[in-house]
Amino acid sequence: LHWDPVALPRHVIVYSPLDQTYVDVFNRGTTLDTEQALGLATALAGEKVSPGVLLPADTRAVMQRMLRNLSGIYAEKSNMELLKHTNAQQQMILDWGWDLEADLQRGMRAADGGGRAEEGN
């Protein structure tokens, strides 16, 4: 199965190009058609959104968003050690132009026995 992440305001859903449906994985796997997904995005944003909000997000954007969310959680809990580490990871992605998609693909091939991740297969 292939799922694309869709970064909505304050929420993430996934899109299946195979059956052209969206799934809200954080809401018991609720299946949404395009109109329902736009309705959810509008409700989350508090204002009308364009259909472009339903375009798949790239891996880098998803990782940056996850790290920003973690930074916010760690700051709220005053966990300075994890906050410092998470902020450093965010900066690394920005500074080094880390190709997350390629790294993930190499890791998946290595996990499937298709080569060692460190060889860059």
Foldseek 3Di string as FASTA:
>chain_A
DDWFWQDAQVAIWIADPVVGWIFRVVPVGDIHHLVVVQVVSCVNVVHHDDSVSRDGDDPLVVLLVVLVVVLVVCVVVVVVVVNVVSVVVNVCCVPVVDPVVQLVVLVVCVVVVNDHSVVSD
